[in-house]
Amino acid sequence: MHKILFICHGNICRSTMAQFVFADLVKRRHVDHLFIIDSAATSREEIGNPPHHGTVRKCREKGVPVLTHYATQLTRADYENYDYLIGMDTWNIRNIMRIISSDPEGKVHKLLQFADSNDDIDDPWYTGDFETTYRDVLRGCEGLLDAILNG
């Protein structure tokens, strides 16, 4: 079983989008039984809130099922409970490390590293550009899934 936790600042835009996209990818490849997938925030700002309407709209537009989810905050215990902690940008990675303290098992990654890029996934909360975020999330999720299944 592969346990994946997608992480962004508020857990209502990028990390939930990644959670939904990755869940859809594994289902389409008939390997969903091999994965536990969730998402979390590094901040407390949106705790308890559902996914952003822009994320919901973009996922529906792309045919990606929108799952029931309410924002939660990453905890130190999540490090032990997940195999991969996937941040959306450099700032998320810094905040993940602040919460978990250290990464001795090499579980913390930036999503686009799996697409051979060190780029950040822009936050559509600020940019309003959910299309670019979706394209980057999809690219990263496809790379992550390939890395796990072919790894």
Protein backbone atom coordinates (compact mmCIF):
# COMPACT_ATOMS: atom_id res chain seq x y z
CA MET A 1 0.00 0.00 0.00
CA HIS A 2 1.36 3.41 -1.03
CA LYS A 3 0.26 6.28 1.21
CA ILE A 4 0.38 9.73 -0.39
CA LEU A 5 -0.28 13.07 1.33
CA PHE A 6 -0.48 16.17 -0.89
CA ILE A 7 0.25 19.41 0.95
CA CYS A 8 -0.20 23.12 0.26
CA HIS A 9 -0.74 26.24 2.35
CA GLY A 10 -4.49 26.07 2.96
CA ASN A 11 -5.59 22.63 1.68
CA ILE A 12 -8.42 24.04 -0.40
CA CYS A 13 -6.84 24.66 -3.85
CA ARG A 14 -3.69 22.87 -5.00
CA SER A 15 -3.38 19.95 -2.57
CA THR A 16 -7.05 19.02 -2.90
CA MET A 17 -6.76 19.29 -6.67
CA ALA A 18 -3.72 16.97 -6.56
CA GLN A 19 -5.60 14.56 -4.28
CA PHE A 20 -8.56 14.40 -6.67
CA VAL A 21 -6.41 14.17 -9.82
CA PHE A 22 -4.18 11.44 -8.37
CA ALA A 23 -7.19 9.47 -7.12
CA ASP A 24 -8.67 9.66 -10.61
CA LEU A 25 -5.41 8.56 -12.25
CA VAL A 26 -5.03 5.49 -10.05
CA LYS A 27 -8.66 4.55 -10.59
CA ARG A 28 -8.31 4.86 -14.38
CA ARG A 29 -5.23 2.59 -14.24
CA HIS A 30 -7.09 0.11 -12.02
CA VAL A 31 -4.52 0.39 -9.22
CA ASP A 32 -6.61 2.38 -6.73
CA HIS A 33 -6.54 -0.58 -4.33
CA LEU A 34 -2.78 0.03 -3.92
CA PHE A 35 -3.11 3.62 -2.66
CA ILE A 36 -4.28 5.73 0.26
CA ILE A 37 -4.48 9.36 -0.86
CA ASP A 38 -5.23 12.47 1.18
CA SER A 39 -4.23 16.11 1.46
CA ALA A 40 -3.41 18.62 4.19
CA ALA A 41 -2.39 22.21 4.89
CA THR A 42 0.70 23.71 6.47
CA SER A 43 -1.44 26.52 7.92
CA ARG A 44 -4.59 26.67 10.04
CA GLU A 45 -6.30 29.36 7.95
CA GLU A 46 -8.80 27.14 6.12
CA ILE A 47 -9.21 24.23 8.58
CA GLY A 48 -12.66 22.67 8.16
CA ASN A 49 -13.39 24.38 4.85
CA PRO A 50 -14.31 22.47 1.67
CA PRO A 51 -12.27 22.71 -1.55
CA HIS A 52 -12.18 26.12 -3.24
CA HIS A 53 -14.94 26.61 -5.82
CA GLY A 54 -12.29 27.17 -8.52
CA THR A 55 -10.71 23.78 -7.79
CA VAL A 56 -14.14 22.11 -7.81
CA ARG A 57 -15.09 23.82 -11.08
CA LYS A 58 -11.79 22.96 -12.82
CA CYS A 59 -11.90 19.31 -11.72
CA ARG A 60 -15.49 18.92 -12.92
CA GLU A 61 -14.61 20.63 -16.21
CA LYS A 62 -11.80 18.07 -16.70
CA GLY A 63 -13.95 15.08 -15.69
CA VAL A 64 -12.09 14.54 -12.42
CA PRO A 65 -14.41 13.38 -9.60
CA VAL A 66 -14.59 15.81 -6.70
CA LEU A 67 -14.32 13.96 -3.41
CA THR A 68 -15.68 15.02 -0.04
CA HIS A 69 -12.85 16.77 1.76
CA TYR A 70 -12.42 19.37 4.48
CA ALA A 71 -9.13 21.13 5.09
CA THR A 72 -6.92 19.66 7.79
CA GLN A 73 -3.47 20.60 9.03
CA LEU A 74 -0.35 18.49 8.60
CA THR A 75 0.95 17.01 11.87
CA ARG A 76 4.27 15.52 12.88
CA ALA A 77 2.51 12.11 13.12
CA ASP A 78 1.69 12.28 9.40
CA TYR A 79 5.36 11.65 8.70
CA GLU A 80 5.01 8.14 10.13
CA ASN A 81 1.61 7.54 8.53
CA TYR A 82 2.52 8.37 4.91
CA ASP A 83 5.16 7.20 2.44
CA TYR A 84 5.18 10.45 0.43
CA LEU A 85 4.61 14.01 1.66
CA ILE A 86 4.22 16.05 -1.51
CA GLY A 87 4.41 19.85 -1.33
CA MET A 88 3.28 22.16 -4.10
CA ASP A 89 6.00 24.80 -3.81
CA THR A 90 9.25 25.70 -2.10
CA TRP A 91 7.46 27.61 0.68
CA ASN A 92 5.29 24.52 1.40
CA ILE A 93 8.42 22.38 1.66
CA ARG A 94 9.92 24.80 4.21
CA ASN A 95 6.73 24.72 6.25
CA ILE A 96 6.45 20.93 6.01
CA MET A 97 9.98 20.65 7.40
CA ARG A 98 9.11 23.11 10.19
CA ILE A 99 6.21 20.85 11.22
CA ILE A 100 7.88 17.44 10.90
CA SER A 101 11.39 18.59 11.99
CA SER A 102 13.40 16.22 9.77
CA ASP A 103 13.07 13.87 6.82
CA PRO A 104 15.40 10.92 7.52
CA GLU A 105 13.49 8.62 5.16
CA GLY A 106 13.38 11.04 2.21
CA LYS A 107 9.59 11.22 2.09
CA VAL A 108 9.26 14.96 1.38
CA HIS A 109 9.16 16.02 -2.27
CA LYS A 110 7.93 18.90 -4.39
CA LEU A 111 5.28 17.61 -6.84
CA LEU A 112 6.90 18.86 -10.03
CA GLN A 113 10.13 17.02 -9.17
CA PHE A 114 8.26 13.99 -10.54
CA ALA A 115 7.92 15.86 -13.85
CA ASP A 116 11.67 16.55 -13.99
CA SER A 117 11.21 20.15 -12.88
CA ASN A 118 12.08 22.14 -9.80
CA ASP A 119 9.30 24.64 -10.55
CA ASP A 120 6.62 25.55 -8.06
CA ILE A 121 2.94 25.01 -8.73
CA ASP A 122 1.45 28.49 -8.64
CA ASP A 123 -1.27 29.09 -6.08
CA PRO A 124 -4.54 29.87 -7.90
CA TRP A 125 -5.83 31.52 -4.72
CA TYR A 126 -3.57 34.41 -5.79
CA THR A 127 -3.29 33.94 -9.56
CA GLY A 128 -6.90 32.97 -10.30
CA ASP A 129 -5.43 30.67 -12.98
CA PHE A 130 -6.84 27.25 -12.15
CA GLU A 131 -6.09 25.97 -15.68
CA THR A 132 -2.32 26.37 -15.33
CA THR A 133 -2.47 24.89 -11.83
CA TYR A 134 -4.45 21.92 -13.17
CA ARG A 135 -1.95 21.31 -15.99
CA ASP A 136 1.00 21.41 -13.57
CA VAL A 137 -0.78 19.22 -11.00
CA LEU A 138 -1.68 16.66 -13.68
CA ARG A 139 1.91 16.59 -14.99
CA GLY A 140 3.30 16.10 -11.48
CA CYS A 141 0.72 13.46 -10.53
CA GLU A 142 1.35 11.46 -13.70
CA GLY A 143 5.09 11.56 -12.97
CA LEU A 144 4.57 10.54 -9.35
CA LEU A 145 2.35 7.62 -10.32
CA ASP A 146 4.81 6.44 -12.96
CA ALA A 147 7.69 6.72 -10.46
CA ILE A 148 5.82 4.60 -7.91
CA LEU A 149 4.55 1.97 -10.34
CA ASN A 150 7.83 1.70 -12.25
CA GLY A 151 10.10 2.33 -9.29
